C-alpha atoms as a PDB file:
ATOM      1  CA  GLN A   1     -74.750  78.326  37.914  1.00  0.00           C
ATOM      2  CA  VAL A   2     -73.515  80.136  35.035  1.00  0.00           C
ATOM      3  CA  GLN A   3     -73.787  78.364  32.081  1.00  0.00           C
ATOM      4  CA  LEU A   4     -72.808  79.323  28.099  1.00  0.00           C
ATOM      5  CA  VAL A   5     -75.067  77.947  25.672  1.00  0.00           C
ATOM      6  CA  GLU A   6     -74.578  78.110  21.818  1.00  0.00           C
ATOM      7  CA  SER A   7     -77.197  78.122  19.289  1.00  0.00           C
ATOM      8  CA  GLY A   8     -76.967  78.502  15.556  1.00  0.00           C
ATOM      9  CA  GLY A   9     -75.119  75.692  13.926  1.00  0.00           C
ATOM     10  CA  GLY A  10     -76.569  73.560  11.071  1.00  0.00           C
ATOM     11  CA  LEU A  11     -75.569  72.683   7.622  1.00  0.00           C
ATOM     12  CA  VAL A  12     -74.251  75.468   5.361  1.00  0.00           C
ATOM     13  CA  GLN A  13     -73.493  75.540   1.710  1.00  0.00           C
ATOM     14  CA  PRO A  14     -69.937  76.569   0.667  1.00  0.00           C
ATOM     15  CA  GLY A  15     -69.452  80.314   0.144  1.00  0.00           C
ATOM     16  CA  GLY A  16     -72.540  80.933   2.458  1.00  0.00           C
ATOM     17  CA  SER A  17     -72.349  82.697   6.080  1.00  0.00           C
ATOM     18  CA  LEU A  18     -73.368  81.650   9.599  1.00  0.00           C
ATOM     19  CA  ARG A  19     -74.587  83.536  12.810  1.00  0.00           C
ATOM     20  CA  LEU A  20     -73.914  81.681  16.038  1.00  0.00           C
ATOM     21  CA  SER A  21     -74.998  82.761  19.208  1.00  0.00           C
ATOM     22  CA  CYS A  22     -73.760  82.253  22.821  1.00  0.00           C
ATOM     23  CA  SER A  23     -76.065  83.080  25.647  1.00  0.00           C
ATOM     24  CA  VAL A  24     -75.083  83.539  28.907  1.00  0.00           C
ATOM     25  CA  SER A  25     -77.686  81.796  31.463  1.00  0.00           C
ATOM     26  CA  GLY A  26     -77.594  82.259  35.189  1.00  0.00           C
ATOM     27  CA  GLY A  27     -74.991  85.329  35.091  1.00  0.00           C
ATOM     28  CA  SER A  28     -73.832  88.413  33.398  1.00  0.00           C
ATOM     29  CA  MET A  29     -71.206  88.850  30.421  1.00  0.00           C
ATOM     30  CA  PHE A  30     -69.231  90.956  32.915  1.00  0.00           C
ATOM     31  CA  SER A  31     -68.390  87.866  35.052  1.00  0.00           C
ATOM     32  CA  PHE A  32     -65.933  86.765  32.382  1.00  0.00           C
ATOM     33  CA  SER A  33     -62.895  89.004  31.608  1.00  0.00           C
ATOM     34  CA  ARG A  34     -62.566  87.141  27.874  1.00  0.00           C
ATOM     35  CA  MET A  35     -64.941  85.778  25.953  1.00  0.00           C
ATOM     36  CA  GLY A  36     -64.599  83.893  22.790  1.00  0.00           C
ATOM     37  CA  TRP A  37     -65.180  81.629  20.183  1.00  0.00           C
ATOM     38  CA  TYR A  38     -63.095  78.411  19.355  1.00  0.00           C
ATOM     39  CA  ARG A  39     -63.613  75.371  16.993  1.00  0.00           C
ATOM     40  CA  GLN A  40     -62.750  71.887  16.729  1.00  0.00           C
ATOM     41  CA  ALA A  41     -62.509  69.743  13.722  1.00  0.00           C
ATOM     42  CA  PRO A  42     -62.659  65.954  13.843  1.00  0.00           C
ATOM     43  CA  GLY A  43     -58.930  64.574  14.517  1.00  0.00           C
ATOM     44  CA  LYS A  44     -57.585  68.224  15.072  1.00  0.00           C
ATOM     45  CA  GLN A  45     -56.944  70.309  18.001  1.00  0.00           C
ATOM     46  CA  ARG A  46     -59.487  73.059  18.956  1.00  0.00           C
ATOM     47  CA  GLU A  47     -58.564  76.430  17.698  1.00  0.00           C
ATOM     48  CA  LEU A  48     -59.056  79.938  18.084  1.00  0.00           C
ATOM     49  CA  VAL A  49     -61.733  81.740  16.131  1.00  0.00           C
ATOM     50  CA  GLY A  50     -62.056  84.980  17.709  1.00  0.00           C
ATOM     51  CA  ALA A  51     -61.789  85.809  21.201  1.00  0.00           C
ATOM     52  CA  GLY A  52     -61.438  89.283  23.524  1.00  0.00           C
ATOM     53  CA  THR A  53     -61.516  91.245  26.396  1.00  0.00           C
ATOM     54  CA  ASN A  54     -64.567  93.349  27.804  1.00  0.00           C
ATOM     55  CA  GLY A  55     -64.193  96.586  25.528  1.00  0.00           C
ATOM     56  CA  GLY A  56     -61.001  95.502  24.318  1.00  0.00           C
ATOM     57  CA  ARG A  57     -59.846  94.145  20.740  1.00  0.00           C
ATOM     58  CA  THR A  58     -60.829  91.153  19.514  1.00  0.00           C
ATOM     59  CA  VAL A  59     -57.984  88.692  18.220  1.00  0.00           C
ATOM     60  CA  TYR A  60     -58.894  86.162  15.195  1.00  0.00           C
ATOM     61  CA  GLY A  61     -57.312  83.004  14.328  1.00  0.00           C
ATOM     62  CA  ASP A  62     -55.249  82.750  10.830  1.00  0.00           C
ATOM     63  CA  SER A  63     -57.807  80.683   9.394  1.00  0.00           C
ATOM     64  CA  VAL A  64     -60.624  83.174   9.680  1.00  0.00           C
ATOM     65  CA  LYS A  65     -59.357  86.366   9.342  1.00  0.00           C
ATOM     66  CA  GLY A  66     -61.261  88.823   7.471  1.00  0.00           C
ATOM     67  CA  ARG A  67     -64.207  86.321   7.208  1.00  0.00           C
ATOM     68  CA  ALA A  68     -65.220  85.957  11.034  1.00  0.00           C
ATOM     69  CA  THR A  69     -66.521  88.854  13.290  1.00  0.00           C
ATOM     70  CA  VAL A  70     -67.146  88.328  17.055  1.00  0.00           C
ATOM     71  CA  SER A  71     -69.455  90.706  18.587  1.00  0.00           C
ATOM     72  CA  ARG A  72     -71.073  91.208  22.275  1.00  0.00           C
ATOM     73  CA  ASP A  73     -74.607  92.453  23.378  1.00  0.00           C
ATOM     74  CA  SER A  74     -74.073  93.094  26.887  1.00  0.00           C
ATOM     75  CA  ALA A  75     -77.684  94.048  27.494  1.00  0.00           C
ATOM     76  CA  LYS A  76     -78.943  90.551  26.241  1.00  0.00           C
ATOM     77  CA  ASN A  77     -75.856  88.497  27.584  1.00  0.00           C
ATOM     78  CA  VAL A  78     -75.042  87.301  24.058  1.00  0.00           C
ATOM     79  CA  LEU A  79     -71.830  86.722  22.309  1.00  0.00           C
ATOM     80  CA  THR A  80     -72.227  86.450  18.557  1.00  0.00           C
ATOM     81  CA  LEU A  81     -70.088  85.033  15.680  1.00  0.00           C
ATOM     82  CA  GLN A  82     -70.615  85.792  12.105  1.00  0.00           C
ATOM     83  CA  MET A  83     -68.661  84.133   9.328  1.00  0.00           C
ATOM     84  CA  THR A  84     -68.680  84.604   6.041  1.00  0.00           C
ATOM     85  CA  SER A  85     -67.674  82.836   2.440  1.00  0.00           C
ATOM     86  CA  LEU A  86     -67.800  79.367   4.303  1.00  0.00           C
ATOM     87  CA  LYS A  87     -65.308  76.556   3.416  1.00  0.00           C
ATOM     88  CA  PRO A  88     -65.480  72.755   3.825  1.00  0.00           C
ATOM     89  CA  GLU A  89     -62.858  73.244   6.121  1.00  0.00           C
ATOM     90  CA  ASP A  90     -64.865  75.395   8.686  1.00  0.00           C
ATOM     91  CA  THR A  91     -66.523  72.100   9.451  1.00  0.00           C
ATOM     92  CA  ALA A  92     -66.328  71.651  12.908  1.00  0.00           C
ATOM     93  CA  VAL A  93     -67.807  71.901  16.381  1.00  0.00           C
ATOM     94  CA  TYR A  94     -68.145  75.530  17.410  1.00  0.00           C
ATOM     95  CA  TYR A  95     -67.883  76.208  21.191  1.00  0.00           C
ATOM     96  CA  CYS A  96     -68.200  79.650  23.184  1.00  0.00           C
ATOM     97  CA  ARG A  97     -65.696  80.072  26.109  1.00  0.00           C
ATOM     98  CA  GLY A  98     -65.551  82.699  28.975  1.00  0.00           C
ATOM     99  CA  VAL A  99     -62.748  83.080  31.491  1.00  0.00           C
ATOM    100  CA  GLY A 100     -63.756  84.503  34.897  1.00  0.00           C
ATOM    101  CA  VAL A 101     -62.754  87.955  36.098  1.00  0.00           C
ATOM    102  CA  GLY A 102     -60.286  87.491  38.935  1.00  0.00           C
ATOM    103  CA  ASP A 103     -59.804  83.851  38.900  1.00  0.00           C
ATOM    104  CA  ASP A 104     -59.230  83.072  35.344  1.00  0.00           C
ATOM    105  CA  ASN A 105     -61.220  79.773  35.601  1.00  0.00           C
ATOM    106  CA  GLU A 106     -62.534  79.160  32.327  1.00  0.00           C
ATOM    107  CA  LEU A 107     -66.403  78.053  30.878  1.00  0.00           C
ATOM    108  CA  TRP A 108     -67.041  76.229  28.156  1.00  0.00           C
ATOM    109  CA  GLY A 109     -70.307  75.813  26.328  1.00  0.00           C
ATOM    110  CA  GLN A 110     -71.510  72.512  25.092  1.00  0.00           C
ATOM    111  CA  GLY A 111     -70.900  73.500  21.391  1.00  0.00           C
ATOM    112  CA  THR A 112     -72.814  73.492  18.327  1.00  0.00           C
ATOM    113  CA  GLN A 113     -71.837  71.562  14.980  1.00  0.00           C
ATOM    114  CA  VAL A 114     -71.567  73.496  11.932  1.00  0.00           C
ATOM    115  CA  THR A 115     -70.993  71.407   8.681  1.00  0.00           C
ATOM    116  CA  VAL A 116     -70.224  73.302   5.127  1.00  0.00           C
ATOM    117  CA  ALA A 117     -71.107  71.158   2.464  1.00  0.00           C
ATOM    118  CA  SER A 118     -72.791  71.391  -0.574  1.00  0.00           C
END
């Protein structure tokens, strides 16, 4: 059974940076036509951080443009999110999402908490 497993969350100071990893367990990144990162803050809807297709460009949410970079290592089956200049409003649970090739079924990871505070 394919699973997405996020790691790397925690407490970060304002102005700092983070690096989150999403490992594809039990399968390959190539089983997903699209992969990306989303986040959900308390009391708010889940929003796009950055997502893209295999070999295609990545689209970023307005709130993180210029501060976020999504990259993929197909050999290691890992999707990475790097963010800089973190703000308290970046505090959220960050989720990895994949959309299956051909069937458009989506798969979500369990999420990892990121808290930006001094």
